[in-house]
Amino acid sequence: MRRIGLARVMSKRGWCSRSSAEGMIREGRVSVRGRIVRDPETPTHESEPDIRLDGVIPDAQRRYLMLNKPRGLVTTAKDERSRDTVYRCLEDAGGDWIAPVGRLDKASEGLLLFSNDPAWAASITDPASGPGKTYHVQVASIPDEVMLRRMHDGVDDGGERLAVSRVQLLRSGERNAWLEIELDEGRNRQIRRILSALDIEVLRLVRVAIGSLVLGDLAKGAWRELSDIEVAALRGD
């Protein structure tokens, strides 16, 4: 049976974040089979039945949420620069620990998932088998078919080859346009880096779908629980 660090075991069970677990272990609040453990890296069986926090075995209910992230919030629990975070939108979501599944940068908005199920989260963010992500992107130009083809064929940026899996023009005005872009991998700021390499300015970037789950009419800054069907579909069941 595989052994991993105690803090990681607590995180994998959805009790808390790994960093929070490390702190509670060092404070002497965690015991394994009746013995206080103070080293977060103490090798522990993943299925160990008698791990207690403050004398009690936590019963973490698995939770799966979606949020319509507003622009201007950072995707983290705490920010060293005291900027507003996405957790401002989840103040009424209850006290259970949940973590972002993937990220959206501060300037981006739209569909963002949260869960305390690390295995499910890993299946969503897996670049090889996870669901595709769809974005609506407003740009300060009118890309033609040649430019759309270049986005699909890929660009070199900082030694990385970056490309979109699908792109189409949704609508255009006199000086700007909206594109629908799909990614089948999730590299850091991938869309912004591709468009910057092509000298295309991004005005807005909104994630509108992850796999079959669509943002729909969920209000800006609002969240909701996912249904069992939605959870299973994103996992690929």
Protein backbone atom coordinates (compact mmCIF):
# COMPACT_ATOMS: atom_id res chain seq x y z
CA MET A 1 0.00 0.00 0.00
CA ARG A 2 1.42 3.38 -1.02
CA ARG A 3 2.64 5.81 1.62
CA ILE A 4 2.72 9.58 1.08
CA GLY A 5 3.19 12.61 3.34
CA LEU A 6 0.49 13.09 6.00
CA ALA A 7 -0.35 16.63 4.81
CA ARG A 8 -0.93 15.32 1.31
CA VAL A 9 -3.20 12.55 2.62
CA MET A 10 -5.37 15.15 4.39
CA SER A 11 -5.52 17.29 1.25
CA LYS A 12 -6.41 14.33 -1.00
CA ARG A 13 -9.33 13.54 1.31
CA GLY A 14 -10.67 17.05 0.79
CA TRP A 15 -10.32 18.14 4.42
CA CYS A 16 -8.23 21.22 3.68
CA SER A 17 -5.52 22.56 1.43
CA ARG A 18 -2.09 20.98 1.70
CA SER A 19 -0.57 24.18 3.12
CA SER A 20 -3.32 24.38 5.76
CA ALA A 21 -2.72 20.74 6.67
CA GLU A 22 0.98 21.42 7.12
CA GLY A 23 0.19 24.24 9.54
CA MET A 24 -2.27 22.19 11.59
CA ILE A 25 0.15 19.26 11.80
CA ARG A 26 2.97 21.50 13.05
CA GLU A 27 0.58 22.93 15.67
CA GLY A 28 0.05 19.43 17.07
CA ARG A 29 -3.63 19.24 16.09
CA VAL A 30 -3.33 16.03 14.06
CA SER A 31 -2.96 12.47 15.34
CA VAL A 32 -2.50 9.14 13.57
CA ARG A 33 -3.73 6.11 15.53
CA GLY A 34 -3.74 8.13 18.74
CA ARG A 35 -0.24 9.60 18.35
CA ILE A 36 0.29 13.31 17.73
CA VAL A 37 2.31 13.86 14.54
CA ARG A 38 4.14 17.15 13.95
CA ASP A 39 5.97 16.43 10.70
CA PRO A 40 3.76 17.09 7.63
CA GLU A 41 5.91 14.73 5.55
CA THR A 42 5.42 11.74 7.88
CA PRO A 43 4.87 8.72 5.55
CA THR A 44 1.22 7.67 5.87
CA HIS A 45 -0.94 5.09 4.10
CA GLU A 46 -3.41 6.81 1.78
CA SER A 47 -6.22 4.68 3.24
CA GLU A 48 -5.20 5.09 6.92
CA PRO A 49 -8.56 5.03 8.80
CA ASP A 50 -7.51 6.73 12.04
CA ILE A 51 -6.33 10.24 11.21
CA ARG A 52 -7.88 12.82 13.51
CA LEU A 53 -7.97 16.60 13.54
CA ASP A 54 -8.57 18.06 17.00
CA GLY A 55 -9.56 14.59 18.14
CA VAL A 56 -12.21 14.09 15.45
CA ILE A 57 -12.12 12.27 12.10
CA PRO A 58 -13.34 14.92 9.61
CA ASP A 59 -16.17 13.99 7.28
CA ALA A 60 -15.58 16.08 4.17
CA GLN A 61 -18.46 15.99 1.72
CA ARG A 62 -17.28 16.17 -1.88
CA ARG A 63 -18.26 19.47 -3.45
CA TYR A 64 -18.18 20.65 -7.06
CA LEU A 65 -18.92 24.30 -7.90
CA MET A 66 -18.83 26.57 -10.91
CA LEU A 67 -18.28 30.33 -10.70
CA ASN A 68 -18.69 33.09 -13.24
CA LYS A 69 -15.40 34.82 -12.39
CA PRO A 70 -15.43 38.60 -12.74
CA ARG A 71 -12.51 40.40 -14.29
CA GLY A 72 -9.99 41.82 -11.81
CA LEU A 73 -9.92 38.94 -9.30
CA VAL A 74 -6.91 36.66 -8.87
CA THR A 75 -7.33 32.88 -8.71
CA THR A 76 -5.78 32.15 -5.34
CA ALA A 77 -6.86 31.81 -1.72
CA LYS A 78 -4.50 34.53 -0.44
CA ASP A 79 -2.62 37.14 -2.41
CA GLU A 80 0.71 38.50 -1.21
CA ARG A 81 -0.18 41.89 -2.73
CA SER A 82 -3.58 42.02 -0.97
CA ARG A 83 -5.52 41.97 -4.23
CA ASP A 84 -9.12 40.72 -4.28
CA THR A 85 -9.38 36.99 -4.94
CA VAL A 86 -12.06 34.72 -6.39
CA TYR A 87 -12.94 33.59 -2.85
CA ARG A 88 -14.68 36.94 -2.38
CA CYS A 89 -17.43 35.48 -4.58
CA LEU A 90 -17.70 32.32 -2.46
CA GLU A 91 -18.29 33.84 0.97
CA ASP A 92 -21.77 32.29 1.10
CA ALA A 93 -20.64 28.88 -0.19
CA GLY A 94 -20.16 27.38 3.27
CA GLY A 95 -17.09 26.62 5.33
CA ASP A 96 -15.86 23.50 3.52
CA TRP A 97 -12.46 23.89 1.88
CA ILE A 98 -12.57 24.01 -1.92
CA ALA A 99 -9.80 24.77 -4.37
CA PRO A 100 -9.80 26.18 -7.92
CA VAL A 101 -9.66 23.57 -10.68
CA GLY A 102 -7.26 25.24 -13.09
CA ARG A 103 -6.94 29.01 -13.26
CA LEU A 104 -8.04 32.18 -14.98
CA ASP A 105 -5.68 35.14 -14.87
CA LYS A 106 -6.68 38.43 -13.27
CA ALA A 107 -7.75 40.06 -16.54
CA SER A 108 -9.79 37.05 -17.70
CA GLU A 109 -13.35 36.15 -16.75
CA GLY A 110 -15.93 33.41 -17.06
CA LEU A 111 -16.25 29.76 -16.09
CA LEU A 112 -14.05 28.62 -13.21
CA LEU A 113 -14.47 25.33 -11.33
CA PHE A 114 -13.86 24.59 -7.64
CA SER A 115 -13.77 21.30 -5.75
CA ASN A 116 -12.34 19.48 -2.74
CA ASP A 117 -11.92 16.31 -4.81
CA PRO A 118 -8.28 16.29 -5.97
CA ALA A 119 -8.67 13.21 -8.19
CA TRP A 120 -11.59 14.78 -10.07
CA ALA A 121 -9.72 18.07 -10.37
CA ALA A 122 -6.68 16.29 -11.80
CA SER A 123 -8.86 14.60 -14.43
CA ILE A 124 -10.17 18.02 -15.54
CA THR A 125 -6.76 19.67 -15.78
CA ASP A 126 -4.94 16.72 -17.36
CA PRO A 127 -3.59 18.11 -20.68
CA ALA A 128 -3.70 14.68 -22.32
CA SER A 129 -7.22 13.55 -21.40
CA GLY A 130 -9.04 16.48 -19.83
CA PRO A 131 -11.99 18.21 -21.53
CA GLY A 132 -11.40 21.06 -23.97
CA LYS A 133 -11.97 24.66 -22.92
CA THR A 134 -13.86 27.19 -25.02
CA TYR A 135 -13.32 30.96 -24.88
CA HIS A 136 -14.90 34.04 -26.42
CA VAL A 137 -12.19 36.60 -27.09
CA GLN A 138 -12.68 40.22 -28.15
CA VAL A 139 -9.73 41.54 -30.14
CA ALA A 140 -8.83 45.02 -31.38
CA SER A 141 -8.69 44.03 -35.06
CA ILE A 142 -10.53 42.01 -37.68
CA PRO A 143 -8.54 38.79 -38.20
CA ASP A 144 -8.81 37.32 -41.69
CA GLU A 145 -8.70 33.66 -42.67
CA VAL A 146 -4.92 33.73 -42.96
CA MET A 147 -4.57 34.99 -39.40
CA LEU A 148 -7.04 32.42 -38.08
CA ARG A 149 -5.04 29.70 -39.82
CA ARG A 150 -1.85 30.95 -38.16
CA MET A 151 -3.52 30.66 -34.73
CA HIS A 152 -4.44 27.07 -35.51
CA ASP A 153 -1.05 26.17 -37.01
CA GLY A 154 0.73 27.62 -33.99
CA VAL A 155 3.38 30.15 -33.03
CA ASP A 156 6.70 29.94 -31.17
CA ASP A 157 6.80 31.85 -27.90
CA GLY A 158 9.66 31.62 -25.44
CA GLY A 159 10.73 28.28 -26.83
CA GLU A 160 7.21 26.80 -26.69
CA ARG A 161 5.03 25.90 -29.63
CA LEU A 162 1.54 27.23 -28.90
CA ALA A 163 -1.60 26.64 -30.95
CA VAL A 164 -5.39 26.58 -30.62
CA SER A 165 -7.36 23.47 -31.49
CA ARG A 166 -10.20 25.46 -33.09
CA VAL A 167 -10.89 29.10 -33.89
CA GLN A 168 -13.70 30.91 -35.71
CA LEU A 169 -14.89 34.46 -36.18
CA LEU A 170 -18.14 35.01 -34.25
CA ARG A 171 -18.87 38.61 -35.22
CA SER A 172 -17.05 41.80 -36.10
CA GLY A 173 -17.55 45.56 -36.08
CA GLU A 174 -15.59 48.35 -37.68
CA ARG A 175 -12.46 47.99 -35.54
CA ASN A 176 -12.80 44.88 -33.37
CA ALA A 177 -14.11 41.34 -33.46
CA TRP A 178 -15.14 38.43 -31.26
CA LEU A 179 -13.47 35.05 -31.78
CA GLU A 180 -14.45 31.66 -30.42
CA ILE A 181 -11.32 29.73 -29.49
CA GLU A 182 -11.02 26.20 -28.16
CA LEU A 183 -7.97 24.77 -26.41
CA ASP A 184 -7.24 21.12 -25.77
CA GLU A 185 -4.38 21.95 -23.39
CA GLY A 186 -3.98 24.56 -20.68
CA ARG A 187 -0.63 26.31 -20.81
CA ASN A 188 -0.12 29.51 -18.86
CA ARG A 189 -1.83 32.49 -20.58
CA GLN A 190 -1.87 30.46 -23.79
CA ILE A 191 -4.41 32.48 -25.78
CA ARG A 192 -2.92 35.83 -24.79
CA ARG A 193 0.57 34.64 -25.72
CA ILE A 194 -0.56 33.37 -29.14
CA LEU A 195 -2.38 36.58 -29.99
CA SER A 196 0.47 38.75 -28.70
CA ALA A 197 2.89 36.86 -30.96
CA LEU A 198 0.61 37.77 -33.86
CA ASP A 199 0.37 41.44 -32.77
CA ILE A 200 -3.30 41.10 -31.91
CA GLU A 201 -4.52 43.05 -28.87
CA VAL A 202 -6.92 41.25 -26.51
CA LEU A 203 -9.73 43.42 -25.17
CA ARG A 204 -11.71 40.76 -23.29
CA LEU A 205 -11.24 37.05 -22.68
CA VAL A 206 -14.16 34.99 -21.35
CA ARG A 207 -14.15 31.23 -20.77
CA VAL A 208 -17.62 30.05 -21.77
CA ALA A 209 -17.35 26.24 -21.56
CA ILE A 210 -15.32 23.36 -20.17
CA GLY A 211 -16.18 20.22 -22.09
CA SER A 212 -19.97 19.93 -22.13
CA LEU A 213 -20.41 22.33 -19.19
CA VAL A 214 -21.37 25.81 -20.39
CA LEU A 215 -21.37 29.08 -18.49
CA GLY A 216 -24.88 29.85 -19.69
CA ASP A 217 -26.76 32.65 -17.95
CA LEU A 218 -24.97 32.39 -14.59
CA ALA A 219 -24.62 35.97 -13.37
CA LYS A 220 -21.24 37.64 -13.04
CA GLY A 221 -19.77 36.78 -9.62
CA ALA A 222 -22.40 34.11 -8.97
CA TRP A 223 -21.77 30.40 -8.32
CA ARG A 224 -23.76 27.18 -8.26
CA GLU A 225 -23.25 23.52 -7.37
CA LEU A 226 -22.75 21.09 -10.25
CA SER A 227 -25.21 18.25 -10.70
CA ASP A 228 -24.09 14.63 -10.41
CA ILE A 229 -24.54 14.31 -14.18
CA GLU A 230 -22.31 17.34 -14.85
CA VAL A 231 -19.62 16.04 -12.48
CA ALA A 232 -19.60 12.64 -14.17
CA ALA A 233 -19.59 14.13 -17.69
CA LEU A 234 -16.54 16.27 -16.94
CA ARG A 235 -14.77 13.21 -15.54
CA GLY A 236 -15.51 11.40 -18.80
CA ASP A 237 -17.89 8.79 -17.32
